[in-house]
Amino acid sequence: RQDPSRGIEQAERTFEEMKEAWLNGTYPLVKPDASTISQLLNGYGKAIALSNDLDYCNRQVERAQKLFDYMTEWNITKTVFCYGAIQNVYAQSQLIDAPFRA
């Protein structure tokens, strides 16, 4: 079985570098957009689907929700792909309250 954390951790690092370059003005044209975020959310969903560790899954759900919430702060319009990706995160998590949170 694949290690689900490897891919998503690299994606998070790349995203953080991109976000910091945008926020500090080093590269103002690399602003995260809905496409970037929906791809990262999809990565969280896949990482959750590959894991049997409930604590790991819970952490990934929290990270995904935090990223989704930041979209409003960063003035990024949430697209149907973003909503679909966050719903998939919750569906893959198999958390008891997932249907109410998605």
N, C-alpha and C. Protein backbone atom coordinates (compact mmCIF):
# COMPACT_ATOMS: atom_id res chain seq x y z
N ARG A 1 0.84 -1.19 0.00
CA ARG A 1 0.00 0.00 0.00
C ARG A 1 0.88 1.25 0.00
N GLN A 2 0.42 2.27 -0.70
CA GLN A 2 1.17 3.52 -0.79
C GLN A 2 1.12 4.28 0.53
N ASP A 3 2.15 5.08 0.77
CA ASP A 3 2.15 5.97 1.92
C ASP A 3 1.37 7.21 1.52
N PRO A 4 0.17 7.41 2.06
CA PRO A 4 -0.68 8.51 1.62
C PRO A 4 -0.14 9.89 1.97
N SER A 5 0.76 9.94 2.93
CA SER A 5 1.23 11.25 3.38
C SER A 5 2.29 11.85 2.46
N ARG A 6 3.02 11.03 1.72
CA ARG A 6 4.13 11.55 0.90
C ARG A 6 3.67 12.57 -0.13
N GLY A 7 2.70 12.22 -0.93
CA GLY A 7 2.26 13.10 -2.00
C GLY A 7 1.62 14.37 -1.50
N ILE A 8 0.75 14.25 -0.52
CA ILE A 8 0.04 15.43 -0.03
C ILE A 8 0.98 16.36 0.71
N GLU A 9 1.98 15.82 1.40
CA GLU A 9 2.94 16.68 2.10
C GLU A 9 3.76 17.50 1.11
N GLN A 10 4.17 16.89 -0.01
CA GLN A 10 4.91 17.63 -1.03
C GLN A 10 4.01 18.70 -1.65
N ALA A 11 2.76 18.35 -1.92
CA ALA A 11 1.83 19.32 -2.49
C ALA A 11 1.60 20.49 -1.54
N GLU A 12 1.50 20.20 -0.23
CA GLU A 12 1.33 21.26 0.76
C GLU A 12 2.55 22.19 0.79
N ARG A 13 3.75 21.61 0.74
CA ARG A 13 4.96 22.43 0.74
C ARG A 13 5.01 23.34 -0.48
N THR A 14 4.70 22.80 -1.64
CA THR A 14 4.70 23.60 -2.87
C THR A 14 3.66 24.70 -2.78
N PHE A 15 2.48 24.37 -2.27
CA PHE A 15 1.43 25.37 -2.13
C PHE A 15 1.85 26.47 -1.16
N GLU A 16 2.47 26.09 -0.04
CA GLU A 16 2.91 27.09 0.93
C GLU A 16 3.95 28.03 0.33
N GLU A 17 4.87 27.48 -0.45
CA GLU A 17 5.86 28.32 -1.13
C GLU A 17 5.18 29.29 -2.08
N MET A 18 4.22 28.79 -2.82
CA MET A 18 3.46 29.63 -3.76
C MET A 18 2.71 30.73 -3.02
N LYS A 19 2.04 30.35 -1.95
CA LYS A 19 1.26 31.32 -1.17
C LYS A 19 2.16 32.39 -0.57
N GLU A 20 3.29 31.99 0.00
CA GLU A 20 4.22 32.95 0.60
C GLU A 20 4.79 33.91 -0.44
N ALA A 21 5.13 33.39 -1.62
CA ALA A 21 5.65 34.25 -2.70
C ALA A 21 4.61 35.28 -3.12
N TRP A 22 3.36 34.88 -3.10
CA TRP A 22 2.27 35.81 -3.43
C TRP A 22 2.06 36.82 -2.30
N LEU A 23 1.97 36.32 -1.07
CA LEU A 23 1.67 37.21 0.06
C LEU A 23 2.77 38.23 0.33
N ASN A 24 4.04 37.83 0.17
CA ASN A 24 5.11 38.79 0.45
C ASN A 24 5.49 39.63 -0.77
N GLY A 25 4.81 39.40 -1.88
CA GLY A 25 5.01 40.24 -3.06
C GLY A 25 6.19 39.86 -3.93
N THR A 26 6.87 38.78 -3.59
CA THR A 26 8.01 38.34 -4.39
C THR A 26 7.55 37.99 -5.80
N TYR A 27 6.46 37.24 -5.89
CA TYR A 27 5.87 36.86 -7.17
C TYR A 27 4.36 37.09 -7.10
N PRO A 28 3.92 38.32 -7.33
CA PRO A 28 2.49 38.62 -7.17
C PRO A 28 1.58 37.90 -8.15
N LEU A 29 2.13 37.36 -9.21
CA LEU A 29 1.30 36.68 -10.20
C LEU A 29 1.06 35.20 -9.88
N VAL A 30 1.63 34.71 -8.81
CA VAL A 30 1.43 33.31 -8.45
C VAL A 30 0.35 33.14 -7.38
N LYS A 31 -0.60 34.04 -7.37
CA LYS A 31 -1.70 33.95 -6.40
C LYS A 31 -2.44 32.63 -6.56
N PRO A 32 -2.64 31.92 -5.46
CA PRO A 32 -3.44 30.69 -5.55
C PRO A 32 -4.83 31.01 -6.10
N ASP A 33 -5.35 30.11 -6.92
CA ASP A 33 -6.68 30.31 -7.46
C ASP A 33 -7.53 29.07 -7.18
N ALA A 34 -8.78 29.11 -7.65
CA ALA A 34 -9.70 28.01 -7.37
C ALA A 34 -9.18 26.69 -7.93
N SER A 35 -8.54 26.72 -9.07
CA SER A 35 -8.00 25.50 -9.67
C SER A 35 -6.91 24.90 -8.79
N THR A 36 -6.00 25.74 -8.32
CA THR A 36 -4.92 25.29 -7.45
C THR A 36 -5.49 24.65 -6.19
N ILE A 37 -6.44 25.33 -5.59
CA ILE A 37 -7.00 24.85 -4.32
C ILE A 37 -7.83 23.59 -4.52
N SER A 38 -8.60 23.52 -5.60
CA SER A 38 -9.40 22.30 -5.82
C SER A 38 -8.50 21.10 -6.04
N GLN A 39 -7.35 21.30 -6.69
CA GLN A 39 -6.41 20.18 -6.87
C GLN A 39 -5.82 19.73 -5.54
N LEU A 40 -5.50 20.67 -4.68
CA LEU A 40 -4.99 20.31 -3.36
C LEU A 40 -6.07 19.61 -2.53
N LEU A 41 -7.29 20.09 -2.62
CA LEU A 41 -8.40 19.43 -1.92
C LEU A 41 -8.58 18.01 -2.43
N ASN A 42 -8.46 17.83 -3.75
CA ASN A 42 -8.54 16.47 -4.31
C ASN A 42 -7.44 15.59 -3.75
N GLY A 43 -6.26 16.17 -3.56
CA GLY A 43 -5.15 15.43 -2.97
C GLY A 43 -5.45 14.98 -1.55
N TYR A 44 -6.09 15.85 -0.77
CA TYR A 44 -6.48 15.47 0.59
C TYR A 44 -7.45 14.28 0.53
N GLY A 45 -8.41 14.36 -0.37
CA GLY A 45 -9.38 13.26 -0.50
C GLY A 45 -8.71 11.94 -0.84
N LYS A 46 -7.75 11.99 -1.75
CA LYS A 46 -7.04 10.76 -2.13
C LYS A 46 -6.18 10.24 -0.98
N ALA A 47 -5.53 11.13 -0.27
CA ALA A 47 -4.71 10.71 0.87
C ALA A 47 -5.57 10.05 1.93
N ILE A 48 -6.74 10.60 2.16
CA ILE A 48 -7.67 10.03 3.15
C ILE A 48 -8.12 8.65 2.69
N ALA A 49 -8.45 8.53 1.40
CA ALA A 49 -8.94 7.25 0.88
C ALA A 49 -7.89 6.15 0.99
N LEU A 50 -6.61 6.51 0.96
CA LEU A 50 -5.54 5.52 1.02
C LEU A 50 -5.13 5.16 2.45
N SER A 51 -5.68 5.84 3.43
CA SER A 51 -5.24 5.64 4.81
C SER A 51 -6.29 4.89 5.64
N ASN A 52 -5.80 4.10 6.56
CA ASN A 52 -6.67 3.43 7.53
C ASN A 52 -6.53 4.05 8.92
N ASP A 53 -5.74 5.10 9.02
CA ASP A 53 -5.45 5.75 10.29
C ASP A 53 -6.47 6.87 10.52
N LEU A 54 -7.36 6.67 11.47
CA LEU A 54 -8.43 7.64 11.72
C LEU A 54 -7.90 9.00 12.14
N ASP A 55 -6.85 9.02 12.97
CA ASP A 55 -6.27 10.30 13.39
C ASP A 55 -5.69 11.06 12.20
N TYR A 56 -4.98 10.34 11.34
CA TYR A 56 -4.43 10.95 10.12
C TYR A 56 -5.56 11.52 9.27
N CYS A 57 -6.62 10.75 9.09
CA CYS A 57 -7.76 11.21 8.29
C CYS A 57 -8.39 12.46 8.88
N ASN A 58 -8.55 12.48 10.19
CA ASN A 58 -9.11 13.66 10.85
C ASN A 58 -8.24 14.90 10.62
N ARG A 59 -6.93 14.72 10.71
CA ARG A 59 -6.01 15.86 10.47
C ARG A 59 -6.13 16.37 9.04
N GLN A 60 -6.26 15.45 8.10
CA GLN A 60 -6.37 15.84 6.70
C GLN A 60 -7.69 16.57 6.44
N VAL A 61 -8.75 16.10 7.07
CA VAL A 61 -10.06 16.77 6.93
C VAL A 61 -9.95 18.20 7.46
N GLU A 62 -9.33 18.36 8.62
CA GLU A 62 -9.18 19.70 9.20
C GLU A 62 -8.34 20.61 8.30
N ARG A 63 -7.27 20.08 7.74
CA ARG A 63 -6.43 20.87 6.83
C ARG A 63 -7.21 21.28 5.59
N ALA A 64 -7.96 20.33 5.05
CA ALA A 64 -8.75 20.63 3.84
C ALA A 64 -9.80 21.70 4.14
N GLN A 65 -10.49 21.58 5.28
CA GLN A 65 -11.52 22.56 5.62
C GLN A 65 -10.91 23.93 5.84
N LYS A 66 -9.75 23.98 6.48
CA LYS A 66 -9.07 25.25 6.71
C LYS A 66 -8.70 25.91 5.37
N LEU A 67 -8.18 25.12 4.46
CA LEU A 67 -7.84 25.64 3.13
C LEU A 67 -9.08 26.15 2.42
N PHE A 68 -10.15 25.40 2.48
CA PHE A 68 -11.42 25.79 1.85
C PHE A 68 -11.92 27.11 2.45
N ASP A 69 -11.81 27.24 3.77
CA ASP A 69 -12.25 28.46 4.44
C ASP A 69 -11.38 29.66 4.07
N TYR A 70 -10.08 29.43 3.86
CA TYR A 70 -9.18 30.52 3.47
C TYR A 70 -9.56 31.14 2.13
N MET A 71 -10.25 30.40 1.31
CA MET A 71 -10.62 30.94 0.00
C MET A 71 -11.39 32.25 0.13
N THR A 72 -12.25 32.34 1.11
CA THR A 72 -13.02 33.57 1.34
C THR A 72 -12.08 34.70 1.76
N GLU A 73 -11.17 34.40 2.68
CA GLU A 73 -10.22 35.40 3.15
C GLU A 73 -9.34 35.92 2.01
N TRP A 74 -8.97 35.03 1.10
CA TRP A 74 -8.10 35.41 -0.01
C TRP A 74 -8.88 35.92 -1.22
N ASN A 75 -10.20 36.05 -1.06
CA ASN A 75 -11.06 36.56 -2.12
C ASN A 75 -10.99 35.68 -3.38
N ILE A 76 -11.03 34.38 -3.16
CA ILE A 76 -11.03 33.42 -4.26
C ILE A 76 -12.43 32.82 -4.34
N THR A 77 -13.04 32.93 -5.50
CA THR A 77 -14.38 32.41 -5.69
C THR A 77 -14.37 30.89 -5.64
N LYS A 78 -15.24 30.34 -4.83
CA LYS A 78 -15.36 28.88 -4.72
C LYS A 78 -16.17 28.37 -5.91
N THR A 79 -15.55 27.49 -6.67
CA THR A 79 -16.20 26.93 -7.85
C THR A 79 -16.87 25.61 -7.52
N VAL A 80 -17.63 25.11 -8.48
CA VAL A 80 -18.27 23.81 -8.32
C VAL A 80 -17.22 22.72 -8.10
N PHE A 81 -16.04 22.88 -8.67
CA PHE A 81 -14.97 21.90 -8.47
C PHE A 81 -14.45 21.94 -7.03
N CYS A 82 -14.39 23.13 -6.45
CA CYS A 82 -13.96 23.25 -5.05
C CYS A 82 -14.98 22.62 -4.12
N TYR A 83 -16.27 22.90 -4.38
CA TYR A 83 -17.30 22.30 -3.54
C TYR A 83 -17.31 20.78 -3.68
N GLY A 84 -17.14 20.30 -4.91
CA GLY A 84 -17.08 18.85 -5.12
C GLY A 84 -15.90 18.22 -4.42
N ALA A 85 -14.76 18.90 -4.45
CA ALA A 85 -13.55 18.36 -3.83
C ALA A 85 -13.69 18.31 -2.31
N ILE A 86 -14.26 19.34 -1.69
CA ILE A 86 -14.41 19.32 -0.23
C ILE A 86 -15.45 18.28 0.18
N GLN A 87 -16.48 18.10 -0.63
CA GLN A 87 -17.45 17.05 -0.34
C GLN A 87 -16.80 15.67 -0.42
N ASN A 88 -15.91 15.50 -1.39
CA ASN A 88 -15.21 14.23 -1.52
C ASN A 88 -14.30 13.98 -0.32
N VAL A 89 -13.67 15.03 0.19
CA VAL A 89 -12.83 14.89 1.39
C VAL A 89 -13.68 14.30 2.52
N TYR A 90 -14.84 14.87 2.73
CA TYR A 90 -15.70 14.38 3.81
C TYR A 90 -16.22 12.98 3.52
N ALA A 91 -16.57 12.70 2.28
CA ALA A 91 -17.07 11.36 1.93
C ALA A 91 -15.99 10.31 2.15
N GLN A 92 -14.76 10.60 1.77
CA GLN A 92 -13.67 9.66 1.95
C GLN A 92 -13.30 9.47 3.41
N SER A 93 -13.57 10.48 4.24
CA SER A 93 -13.16 10.42 5.64
C SER A 93 -13.94 9.39 6.44
N GLN A 94 -15.14 9.09 6.02
CA GLN A 94 -16.02 8.17 6.72
C GLN A 94 -16.29 8.59 8.16
N LEU A 95 -16.15 9.88 8.43
CA LEU A 95 -16.49 10.39 9.75
C LEU A 95 -18.00 10.33 9.93
N ILE A 96 -18.42 10.06 11.13
CA ILE A 96 -19.85 9.91 11.41
C ILE A 96 -20.62 11.18 11.04
N ASP A 97 -20.04 12.35 11.32
CA ASP A 97 -20.74 13.60 11.05
C ASP A 97 -20.43 14.18 9.68
N ALA A 98 -19.75 13.43 8.83
CA ALA A 98 -19.34 13.94 7.51
C ALA A 98 -20.51 14.46 6.68
N PRO A 99 -21.66 13.77 6.65
CA PRO A 99 -22.75 14.30 5.82
C PRO A 99 -23.25 15.68 6.27
N PHE A 100 -23.07 15.98 7.54
CA PHE A 100 -23.53 17.27 8.06
C PHE A 100 -22.50 18.36 7.87
N ARG A 101 -21.24 17.98 7.69
CA ARG A 101 -20.16 18.95 7.56
C ARG A 101 -19.90 19.31 6.11
N ALA A 102 -20.19 18.41 5.20
CA ALA A 102 -19.87 18.63 3.78
C ALA A 102 -20.78 19.64 3.14
